[in-house]
Amino acid sequence: MPWCETSPMEQRLEFVREFATGLFTMTELAVQYGISRKTGYKWLERYEADGARGLHDHSRRPHQSPHATDLELIEALLAVRRRHPRWKTGAAL
């Protein structure tokens, strides 16, 4: 018997298809696929919103960083750097 390899995307699509049949509960499918019910509902919401494209992995990168340097400060620093290109940078001056 050959190995049957499926991608995560194919498994997610199969999950959505099986849930759509109405033959299984979310709990049953979550156990079968080894995921939490929360993840199952997330996949269903993404599929309803964006179709199969919504089931691709999403970036975990935050949309904003609370520690990001203010854009005005960056622009001011760059302006000083442009005015004085020969000034050395770094801690060892």
PDB file of N, CA and C in Angstrom:
ATOM      1  N   MET A   1       0.845  -1.182   0.000  1.00  0.00           N
ATOM      2  CA  MET A   1       0.000   0.000   0.000  1.00  0.00           C
ATOM      3  C   MET A   1       0.888   1.243   0.000  1.00  0.00           C
ATOM      4  N   PRO A   2       0.727   2.154  -0.973  1.00  0.00           N
ATOM      5  CA  PRO A   2       1.564   3.348  -1.040  1.00  0.00           C
ATOM      6  C   PRO A   2       1.161   4.351   0.044  1.00  0.00           C
ATOM      7  N   TRP A   3       2.115   5.196   0.396  1.00  0.00           N
ATOM      8  CA  TRP A   3       1.851   6.247   1.363  1.00  0.00           C
ATOM      9  C   TRP A   3       0.922   7.280   0.739  1.00  0.00           C
ATOM     10  N   CYS A   4       0.012   7.743   1.510  1.00  0.00           N
ATOM     11  CA  CYS A   4      -0.894   8.789   1.052  1.00  0.00           C
ATOM     12  C   CYS A   4      -0.527  10.071   1.785  1.00  0.00           C
ATOM     13  N   GLU A   5       0.188  10.936   1.101  1.00  0.00           N
ATOM     14  CA  GLU A   5       0.600  12.187   1.713  1.00  0.00           C
ATOM     15  C   GLU A   5      -0.328  13.300   1.262  1.00  0.00           C
ATOM     16  N   THR A   6      -0.779  14.085   2.221  1.00  0.00           N
ATOM     17  CA  THR A   6      -1.612  15.233   1.902  1.00  0.00           C
ATOM     18  C   THR A   6      -1.009  16.474   2.549  1.00  0.00           C
ATOM     19  N   SER A   7      -1.218  17.572   1.909  1.00  0.00           N
ATOM     20  CA  SER A   7      -0.707  18.834   2.440  1.00  0.00           C
ATOM     21  C   SER A   7      -1.674  19.347   3.511  1.00  0.00           C
ATOM     22  N   PRO A   8      -1.202  20.244   4.370  1.00  0.00           N
ATOM     23  CA  PRO A   8      -2.119  20.840   5.348  1.00  0.00           C
ATOM     24  C   PRO A   8      -3.317  21.513   4.682  1.00  0.00           C
ATOM     25  N   MET A   9      -3.078  22.113   3.532  1.00  0.00           N
ATOM     26  CA  MET A   9      -4.167  22.767   2.807  1.00  0.00           C
ATOM     27  C   MET A   9      -5.237  21.751   2.396  1.00  0.00           C
ATOM     28  N   GLU A  10      -4.807  20.607   1.880  1.00  0.00           N
ATOM     29  CA  GLU A  10      -5.761  19.566   1.475  1.00  0.00           C
ATOM     30  C   GLU A  10      -6.539  19.039   2.676  1.00  0.00           C
ATOM     31  N   GLN A  11      -5.859  18.892   3.817  1.00  0.00           N
ATOM     32  CA  GLN A  11      -6.526  18.410   5.019  1.00  0.00           C
ATOM     33  C   GLN A  11      -7.566  19.416   5.504  1.00  0.00           C
ATOM     34  N   ARG A  12      -7.247  20.678   5.422  1.00  0.00           N
ATOM     35  CA  ARG A  12      -8.194  21.709   5.854  1.00  0.00           C
ATOM     36  C   ARG A  12      -9.422  21.733   4.949  1.00  0.00           C
ATOM     37  N   LEU A  13      -9.194  21.591   3.639  1.00  0.00           N
ATOM     38  CA  LEU A  13     -10.322  21.540   2.710  1.00  0.00           C
ATOM     39  C   LEU A  13     -11.202  20.321   2.984  1.00  0.00           C
ATOM     40  N   GLU A  14     -10.573  19.189   3.251  1.00  0.00           N
ATOM     41  CA  GLU A  14     -11.323  17.969   3.558  1.00  0.00           C
ATOM     42  C   GLU A  14     -12.122  18.153   4.850  1.00  0.00           C
ATOM     43  N   PHE A  15     -11.523  18.813   5.834  1.00  0.00           N
ATOM     44  CA  PHE A  15     -12.209  19.108   7.087  1.00  0.00           C
ATOM     45  C   PHE A  15     -13.481  19.916   6.818  1.00  0.00           C
ATOM     46  N   VAL A  16     -13.344  20.971   6.019  1.00  0.00           N
ATOM     47  CA  VAL A  16     -14.485  21.839   5.709  1.00  0.00           C
ATOM     48  C   VAL A  16     -15.553  21.038   4.963  1.00  0.00           C
ATOM     49  N   ARG A  17     -15.132  20.226   4.011  1.00  0.00           N
ATOM     50  CA  ARG A  17     -16.100  19.405   3.245  1.00  0.00           C
ATOM     51  C   ARG A  17     -16.849  18.438   4.160  1.00  0.00           C
ATOM     52  N   GLU A  18     -16.125  17.785   5.051  1.00  0.00           N
ATOM     53  CA  GLU A  18     -16.763  16.824   5.953  1.00  0.00           C
ATOM     54  C   GLU A  18     -17.735  17.522   6.893  1.00  0.00           C
ATOM     55  N   PHE A  19     -17.368  18.699   7.386  1.00  0.00           N
ATOM     56  CA  PHE A  19     -18.272  19.421   8.270  1.00  0.00           C
ATOM     57  C   PHE A  19     -19.533  19.832   7.515  1.00  0.00           C
ATOM     58  N   ALA A  20     -19.366  20.219   6.256  1.00  0.00           N
ATOM     59  CA  ALA A  20     -20.504  20.673   5.447  1.00  0.00           C
ATOM     60  C   ALA A  20     -21.518  19.561   5.195  1.00  0.00           C
ATOM     61  N   THR A  21     -21.091  18.297   5.278  1.00  0.00           N
ATOM     62  CA  THR A  21     -22.032  17.198   5.061  1.00  0.00           C
ATOM     63  C   THR A  21     -23.063  17.120   6.171  1.00  0.00           C
ATOM     64  N   GLY A  22     -22.724  17.623   7.352  1.00  0.00           N
ATOM     65  CA  GLY A  22     -23.641  17.556   8.484  1.00  0.00           C
ATOM     66  C   GLY A  22     -23.643  16.216   9.179  1.00  0.00           C
ATOM     67  N   LEU A  23     -22.767  15.307   8.749  1.00  0.00           N
ATOM     68  CA  LEU A  23     -22.712  13.979   9.350  1.00  0.00           C
ATOM     69  C   LEU A  23     -21.883  13.939  10.635  1.00  0.00           C
ATOM     70  N   PHE A  24     -21.052  14.954  10.822  1.00  0.00           N
ATOM     71  CA  PHE A  24     -20.146  14.962  11.971  1.00  0.00           C
ATOM     72  C   PHE A  24     -20.314  16.258  12.756  1.00  0.00           C
ATOM     73  N   THR A  25     -20.089  16.159  14.061  1.00  0.00           N
ATOM     74  CA  THR A  25     -20.078  17.357  14.881  1.00  0.00           C
ATOM     75  C   THR A  25     -18.684  17.963  14.823  1.00  0.00           C
ATOM     76  N   MET A  26     -18.578  19.198  15.270  1.00  0.00           N
ATOM     77  CA  MET A  26     -17.274  19.858  15.314  1.00  0.00           C
ATOM     78  C   MET A  26     -16.331  19.084  16.235  1.00  0.00           C
ATOM     79  N   THR A  27     -16.856  18.593  17.347  1.00  0.00           N
ATOM     80  CA  THR A  27     -16.026  17.853  18.292  1.00  0.00           C
ATOM     81  C   THR A  27     -15.476  16.584  17.655  1.00  0.00           C
ATOM     82  N   GLU A  28     -16.311  15.847  16.939  1.00  0.00           N
ATOM     83  CA  GLU A  28     -15.864  14.616  16.287  1.00  0.00           C
ATOM     84  C   GLU A  28     -14.771  14.892  15.259  1.00  0.00           C
ATOM     85  N   LEU A  29     -14.978  15.918  14.438  1.00  0.00           N
ATOM     86  CA  LEU A  29     -13.979  16.244  13.420  1.00  0.00           C
ATOM     87  C   LEU A  29     -12.689  16.762  14.042  1.00  0.00           C
ATOM     88  N   ALA A  30     -12.808  17.543  15.108  1.00  0.00           N
ATOM     89  CA  ALA A  30     -11.610  18.062  15.767  1.00  0.00           C
ATOM     90  C   ALA A  30     -10.759  16.910  16.303  1.00  0.00           C
ATOM     91  N   VAL A  31     -11.393  15.929  16.888  1.00  0.00           N
ATOM     92  CA  VAL A  31     -10.655  14.761  17.386  1.00  0.00           C
ATOM     93  C   VAL A  31     -10.030  14.003  16.220  1.00  0.00           C
ATOM     94  N   GLN A  32     -10.789  13.808  15.169  1.00  0.00           N
ATOM     95  CA  GLN A  32     -10.309  13.062  13.999  1.00  0.00           C
ATOM     96  C   GLN A  32      -9.101  13.744  13.350  1.00  0.00           C
ATOM     97  N   TYR A  33      -9.123  15.064  13.270  1.00  0.00           N
ATOM     98  CA  TYR A  33      -8.046  15.803  12.615  1.00  0.00           C
ATOM     99  C   TYR A  33      -6.949  16.246  13.587  1.00  0.00           C
ATOM    100  N   GLY A  34      -7.143  15.989  14.863  1.00  0.00           N
ATOM    101  CA  GLY A  34      -6.122  16.327  15.844  1.00  0.00           C
ATOM    102  C   GLY A  34      -5.964  17.820  16.070  1.00  0.00           C
ATOM    103  N   ILE A  35      -7.082  18.538  16.032  1.00  0.00           N
ATOM    104  CA  ILE A  35      -7.054  19.986  16.241  1.00  0.00           C
ATOM    105  C   ILE A  35      -8.039  20.341  17.344  1.00  0.00           C
ATOM    106  N   SER A  36      -7.984  21.578  17.791  1.00  0.00           N
ATOM    107  CA  SER A  36      -8.966  22.040  18.766  1.00  0.00           C
ATOM    108  C   SER A  36     -10.236  22.474  18.038  1.00  0.00           C
ATOM    109  N   ARG A  37     -11.331  22.510  18.770  1.00  0.00           N
ATOM    110  CA  ARG A  37     -12.582  22.997  18.165  1.00  0.00           C
ATOM    111  C   ARG A  37     -12.425  24.449  17.747  1.00  0.00           C
ATOM    112  N   LYS A  38     -11.679  25.224  18.529  1.00  0.00           N
ATOM    113  CA  LYS A  38     -11.448  26.631  18.191  1.00  0.00           C
ATOM    114  C   LYS A  38     -10.785  26.753  16.825  1.00  0.00           C
ATOM    115  N   THR A  39      -9.791  25.896  16.560  1.00  0.00           N
ATOM    116  CA  THR A  39      -9.122  25.903  15.257  1.00  0.00           C
ATOM    117  C   THR A  39     -10.093  25.494  14.158  1.00  0.00           C
ATOM    118  N   GLY A  40     -10.932  24.515  14.428  1.00  0.00           N
ATOM    119  CA  GLY A  40     -11.931  24.093  13.444  1.00  0.00           C
ATOM    120  C   GLY A  40     -12.866  25.228  13.065  1.00  0.00           C
ATOM    121  N   TYR A  41     -13.346  25.947  14.062  1.00  0.00           N
ATOM    122  CA  TYR A  41     -14.224  27.084  13.779  1.00  0.00           C
ATOM    123  C   TYR A  41     -13.480  28.180  13.027  1.00  0.00           C
ATOM    124  N   LYS A  42     -12.205  28.375  13.356  1.00  0.00           N
ATOM    125  CA  LYS A  42     -11.396  29.383  12.655  1.00  0.00           C
ATOM    126  C   LYS A  42     -11.290  29.013  11.173  1.00  0.00           C
ATOM    127  N   TRP A  43     -11.033  27.734  10.884  1.00  0.00           N
ATOM    128  CA  TRP A  43     -10.934  27.306   9.482  1.00  0.00           C
ATOM    129  C   TRP A  43     -12.251  27.514   8.756  1.00  0.00           C
ATOM    130  N   LEU A  44     -13.365  27.200   9.416  1.00  0.00           N
ATOM    131  CA  LEU A  44     -14.670  27.393   8.782  1.00  0.00           C
ATOM    132  C   LEU A  44     -14.922  28.870   8.484  1.00  0.00           C
ATOM    133  N   GLU A  45     -14.608  29.747   9.429  1.00  0.00           N
ATOM    134  CA  GLU A  45     -14.800  31.185   9.209  1.00  0.00           C
ATOM    135  C   GLU A  45     -13.942  31.688   8.055  1.00  0.00           C
ATOM    136  N   ARG A  46     -12.690  31.234   8.011  1.00  0.00           N
ATOM    137  CA  ARG A  46     -11.800  31.666   6.924  1.00  0.00           C
ATOM    138  C   ARG A  46     -12.310  31.157   5.577  1.00  0.00           C
ATOM    139  N   TYR A  47     -12.795  29.925   5.546  1.00  0.00           N
ATOM    140  CA  TYR A  47     -13.299  29.358   4.298  1.00  0.00           C
ATOM    141  C   TYR A  47     -14.539  30.126   3.828  1.00  0.00           C
ATOM    142  N   GLU A  48     -15.435  30.449   4.761  1.00  0.00           N
ATOM    143  CA  GLU A  48     -16.639  31.201   4.398  1.00  0.00           C
ATOM    144  C   GLU A  48     -16.295  32.602   3.904  1.00  0.00           C
ATOM    145  N   ALA A  49     -15.248  33.200   4.465  1.00  0.00           N
ATOM    146  CA  ALA A  49     -14.876  34.564   4.083  1.00  0.00           C
ATOM    147  C   ALA A  49     -14.104  34.613   2.774  1.00  0.00           C
ATOM    148  N   ASP A  50     -13.144  33.688   2.589  1.00  0.00           N
ATOM    149  CA  ASP A  50     -12.233  33.772   1.444  1.00  0.00           C
ATOM    150  C   ASP A  50     -12.166  32.518   0.585  1.00  0.00           C
ATOM    151  N   GLY A  51     -13.004  31.546   0.837  1.00  0.00           N
ATOM    152  CA  GLY A  51     -12.940  30.305   0.077  1.00  0.00           C
ATOM    153  C   GLY A  51     -11.692  29.515   0.429  1.00  0.00           C
ATOM    154  N   ALA A  52     -11.245  28.687  -0.496  1.00  0.00           N
ATOM    155  CA  ALA A  52     -10.079  27.834  -0.247  1.00  0.00           C
ATOM    156  C   ALA A  52      -8.828  28.653   0.039  1.00  0.00           C
ATOM    157  N   ARG A  53      -8.737  29.839  -0.547  1.00  0.00           N
ATOM    158  CA  ARG A  53      -7.578  30.709  -0.328  1.00  0.00           C
ATOM    159  C   ARG A  53      -7.441  31.097   1.149  1.00  0.00           C
ATOM    160  N   GLY A  54      -8.539  31.176   1.867  1.00  0.00           N
ATOM    161  CA  GLY A  54      -8.520  31.551   3.273  1.00  0.00           C
ATOM    162  C   GLY A  54      -7.935  30.494   4.185  1.00  0.00           C
ATOM    163  N   LEU A  55      -7.753  29.283   3.669  1.00  0.00           N
ATOM    164  CA  LEU A  55      -7.228  28.202   4.499  1.00  0.00           C
ATOM    165  C   LEU A  55      -5.710  28.127   4.501  1.00  0.00           C
ATOM    166  N   HIS A  56      -5.054  28.954   3.703  1.00  0.00           N
ATOM    167  CA  HIS A  56      -3.590  28.987   3.724  1.00  0.00           C
ATOM    168  C   HIS A  56      -3.112  29.508   5.074  1.00  0.00           C
ATOM    169  N   ASP A  57      -1.890  29.155   5.444  1.00  0.00           N
ATOM    170  CA  ASP A  57      -1.314  29.665   6.678  1.00  0.00           C
ATOM    171  C   ASP A  57      -1.205  31.183   6.604  1.00  0.00           C
ATOM    172  N   HIS A  58      -1.498  31.836   7.698  1.00  0.00           N
ATOM    173  CA  HIS A  58      -1.390  33.283   7.789  1.00  0.00           C
ATOM    174  C   HIS A  58      -0.147  33.645   8.584  1.00  0.00           C
ATOM    175  N   SER A  59       0.396  34.789   8.298  1.00  0.00           N
ATOM    176  CA  SER A  59       1.570  35.263   9.014  1.00  0.00           C
ATOM    177  C   SER A  59       1.221  35.497  10.477  1.00  0.00           C
ATOM    178  N   ARG A  60       2.158  35.181  11.351  1.00  0.00           N
ATOM    179  CA  ARG A  60       1.949  35.416  12.783  1.00  0.00           C
ATOM    180  C   ARG A  60       2.555  36.750  13.215  1.00  0.00           C
ATOM    181  N   ARG A  61       3.109  37.459  12.259  1.00  0.00           N
ATOM    182  CA  ARG A  61       3.734  38.737  12.558  1.00  0.00           C
ATOM    183  C   ARG A  61       2.662  39.736  12.996  1.00  0.00           C
ATOM    184  N   PRO A  62       2.904  40.458  14.067  1.00  0.00           N
ATOM    185  CA  PRO A  62       1.911  41.445  14.506  1.00  0.00           C
ATOM    186  C   PRO A  62       1.752  42.565  13.482  1.00  0.00           C
ATOM    187  N   HIS A  63       0.564  43.127  13.399  1.00  0.00           N
ATOM    188  CA  HIS A  63       0.316  44.222  12.472  1.00  0.00           C
ATOM    189  C   HIS A  63       0.973  45.508  12.948  1.00  0.00           C
ATOM    190  N   GLN A  64       1.132  45.630  14.260  1.00  0.00           N
ATOM    191  CA  GLN A  64       1.759  46.813  14.835  1.00  0.00           C
ATOM    192  C   GLN A  64       2.694  46.377  15.949  1.00  0.00           C
ATOM    193  N   SER A  65       3.710  47.186  16.194  1.00  0.00           N
ATOM    194  CA  SER A  65       4.627  46.924  17.294  1.00  0.00           C
ATOM    195  C   SER A  65       4.545  48.077  18.284  1.00  0.00           C
ATOM    196  N   PRO A  66       4.252  47.769  19.541  1.00  0.00           N
ATOM    197  CA  PRO A  66       4.165  48.860  20.516  1.00  0.00           C
ATOM    198  C   PRO A  66       5.518  49.496  20.808  1.00  0.00           C
ATOM    199  N   HIS A  67       6.597  48.826  20.428  1.00  0.00           N
ATOM    200  CA  HIS A  67       7.936  49.333  20.692  1.00  0.00           C
ATOM    201  C   HIS A  67       8.579  49.977  19.462  1.00  0.00           C
ATOM    202  N   ALA A  68       7.812  50.144  18.409  1.00  0.00           N
ATOM    203  CA  ALA A  68       8.348  50.725  17.179  1.00  0.00           C
ATOM    204  C   ALA A  68       8.737  52.188  17.400  1.00  0.00           C
ATOM    205  N   THR A  69       9.799  52.588  16.742  1.00  0.00           N
ATOM    206  CA  THR A  69      10.244  53.976  16.813  1.00  0.00           C
ATOM    207  C   THR A  69       9.273  54.849  16.029  1.00  0.00           C
ATOM    208  N   ASP A  70       8.926  55.998  16.605  1.00  0.00           N
ATOM    209  CA  ASP A  70       7.998  56.929  15.977  1.00  0.00           C
ATOM    210  C   ASP A  70       8.557  57.396  14.622  1.00  0.00           C
ATOM    211  N   LEU A  71       7.710  57.467  13.617  1.00  0.00           N
ATOM    212  CA  LEU A  71       8.143  57.848  12.269  1.00  0.00           C
ATOM    213  C   LEU A  71       8.755  59.245  12.221  1.00  0.00           C
ATOM    214  N   GLU A  72       8.247  60.166  13.030  1.00  0.00           N
ATOM    215  CA  GLU A  72       8.806  61.514  13.052  1.00  0.00           C
ATOM    216  C   GLU A  72      10.252  61.500  13.550  1.00  0.00           C
ATOM    217  N   LEU A  73      10.538  60.669  14.557  1.00  0.00           N
ATOM    218  CA  LEU A  73      11.900  60.559  15.071  1.00  0.00           C
ATOM    219  C   LEU A  73      12.821  59.938  14.018  1.00  0.00           C
ATOM    220  N   ILE A  74      12.343  58.927  13.318  1.00  0.00           N
ATOM    221  CA  ILE A  74      13.143  58.301  12.258  1.00  0.00           C
ATOM    222  C   ILE A  74      13.488  59.330  11.191  1.00  0.00           C
ATOM    223  N   GLU A  75      12.489  60.108  10.764  1.00  0.00           N
ATOM    224  CA  GLU A  75      12.726  61.127   9.743  1.00  0.00           C
ATOM    225  C   GLU A  75      13.723  62.178  10.225  1.00  0.00           C
ATOM    226  N   ALA A  76      13.629  62.577  11.498  1.00  0.00           N
ATOM    227  CA  ALA A  76      14.562  63.565  12.048  1.00  0.00           C
ATOM    228  C   ALA A  76      15.984  63.005  12.064  1.00  0.00           C
ATOM    229  N   LEU A  77      16.136  61.755  12.470  1.00  0.00           N
ATOM    230  CA  LEU A  77      17.462  61.135  12.493  1.00  0.00           C
ATOM    231  C   LEU A  77      18.053  61.014  11.089  1.00  0.00           C
ATOM    232  N   LEU A  78      17.220  60.644  10.140  1.00  0.00           N
ATOM    233  CA  LEU A  78      17.699  60.527   8.762  1.00  0.00           C
ATOM    234  C   LEU A  78      18.081  61.884   8.190  1.00  0.00           C
ATOM    235  N   ALA A  79      17.345  62.925   8.557  1.00  0.00           N
ATOM    236  CA  ALA A  79      17.674  64.272   8.092  1.00  0.00           C
ATOM    237  C   ALA A  79      19.036  64.707   8.627  1.00  0.00           C
ATOM    238  N   VAL A  80      19.300  64.437   9.903  1.00  0.00           N
ATOM    239  CA  VAL A  80      20.607  64.763  10.487  1.00  0.00           C
ATOM    240  C   VAL A  80      21.698  63.965   9.787  1.00  0.00           C
ATOM    241  N   ARG A  81      21.428  62.708   9.519  1.00  0.00           N
ATOM    242  CA  ARG A  81      22.408  61.850   8.843  1.00  0.00           C
ATOM    243  C   ARG A  81      22.721  62.373   7.434  1.00  0.00           C
ATOM    244  N   ARG A  82      21.693  62.869   6.732  1.00  0.00           N
ATOM    245  CA  ARG A  82      21.917  63.412   5.385  1.00  0.00           C
ATOM    246  C   ARG A  82      22.718  64.713   5.442  1.00  0.00           C
ATOM    247  N   ARG A  83      22.480  65.515   6.485  1.00  0.00           N
ATOM    248  CA  ARG A  83      23.218  66.768   6.634  1.00  0.00           C
ATOM    249  C   ARG A  83      24.680  66.534   7.015  1.00  0.00           C
ATOM    250  N   HIS A  84      24.933  65.443   7.723  1.00  0.00           N
ATOM    251  CA  HIS A  84      26.291  65.162   8.209  1.00  0.00           C
ATOM    252  C   HIS A  84      26.687  63.727   7.839  1.00  0.00           C
ATOM    253  N   PRO A  85      26.898  63.441   6.556  1.00  0.00           N
ATOM    254  CA  PRO A  85      27.175  62.070   6.132  1.00  0.00           C
ATOM    255  C   PRO A  85      28.521  61.526   6.626  1.00  0.00           C
ATOM    256  N   ARG A  86      29.423  62.374   7.030  1.00  0.00           N
ATOM    257  CA  ARG A  86      30.740  61.916   7.452  1.00  0.00           C
ATOM    258  C   ARG A  86      30.796  61.575   8.945  1.00  0.00           C
ATOM    259  N   TRP A  87      29.752  61.927   9.682  1.00  0.00           N
ATOM    260  CA  TRP A  87      29.720  61.578  11.108  1.00  0.00           C
ATOM    261  C   TRP A  87      29.712  60.061  11.229  1.00  0.00           C
ATOM    262  N   LYS A  88      30.484  59.549  12.176  1.00  0.00           N
ATOM    263  CA  LYS A  88      30.517  58.099  12.391  1.00  0.00           C
ATOM    264  C   LYS A  88      29.299  57.697  13.218  1.00  0.00           C
ATOM    265  N   THR A  89      28.897  56.459  13.015  1.00  0.00           N
ATOM    266  CA  THR A  89      27.768  55.926  13.782  1.00  0.00           C
ATOM    267  C   THR A  89      28.284  54.827  14.687  1.00  0.00           C
ATOM    268  N   GLY A  90      27.496  54.472  15.668  1.00  0.00           N
ATOM    269  CA  GLY A  90      27.844  53.382  16.553  1.00  0.00           C
ATOM    270  C   GLY A  90      28.304  53.888  17.901  1.00  0.00           C
ATOM    271  N   ALA A  91      28.526  52.941  18.824  1.00  0.00           N
ATOM    272  CA  ALA A  91      28.868  53.289  20.193  1.00  0.00           C
ATOM    273  C   ALA A  91      30.351  53.654  20.350  1.00  0.00           C
ATOM    274  N   ALA A  92      31.214  53.098  19.506  1.00  0.00           N
ATOM    275  CA  ALA A  92      32.653  53.328  19.630  1.00  0.00           C
ATOM    276  C   ALA A  92      33.067  54.515  18.756  1.00  0.00           C
ATOM    277  N   LEU A  93      32.920  55.715  19.271  1.00  0.00           N
ATOM    278  CA  LEU A  93      33.268  56.914  18.507  1.00  0.00           C
ATOM    279  C   LEU A  93      34.654  57.306  18.816  1.00  0.00           C
TER     280      LEU A  93
END
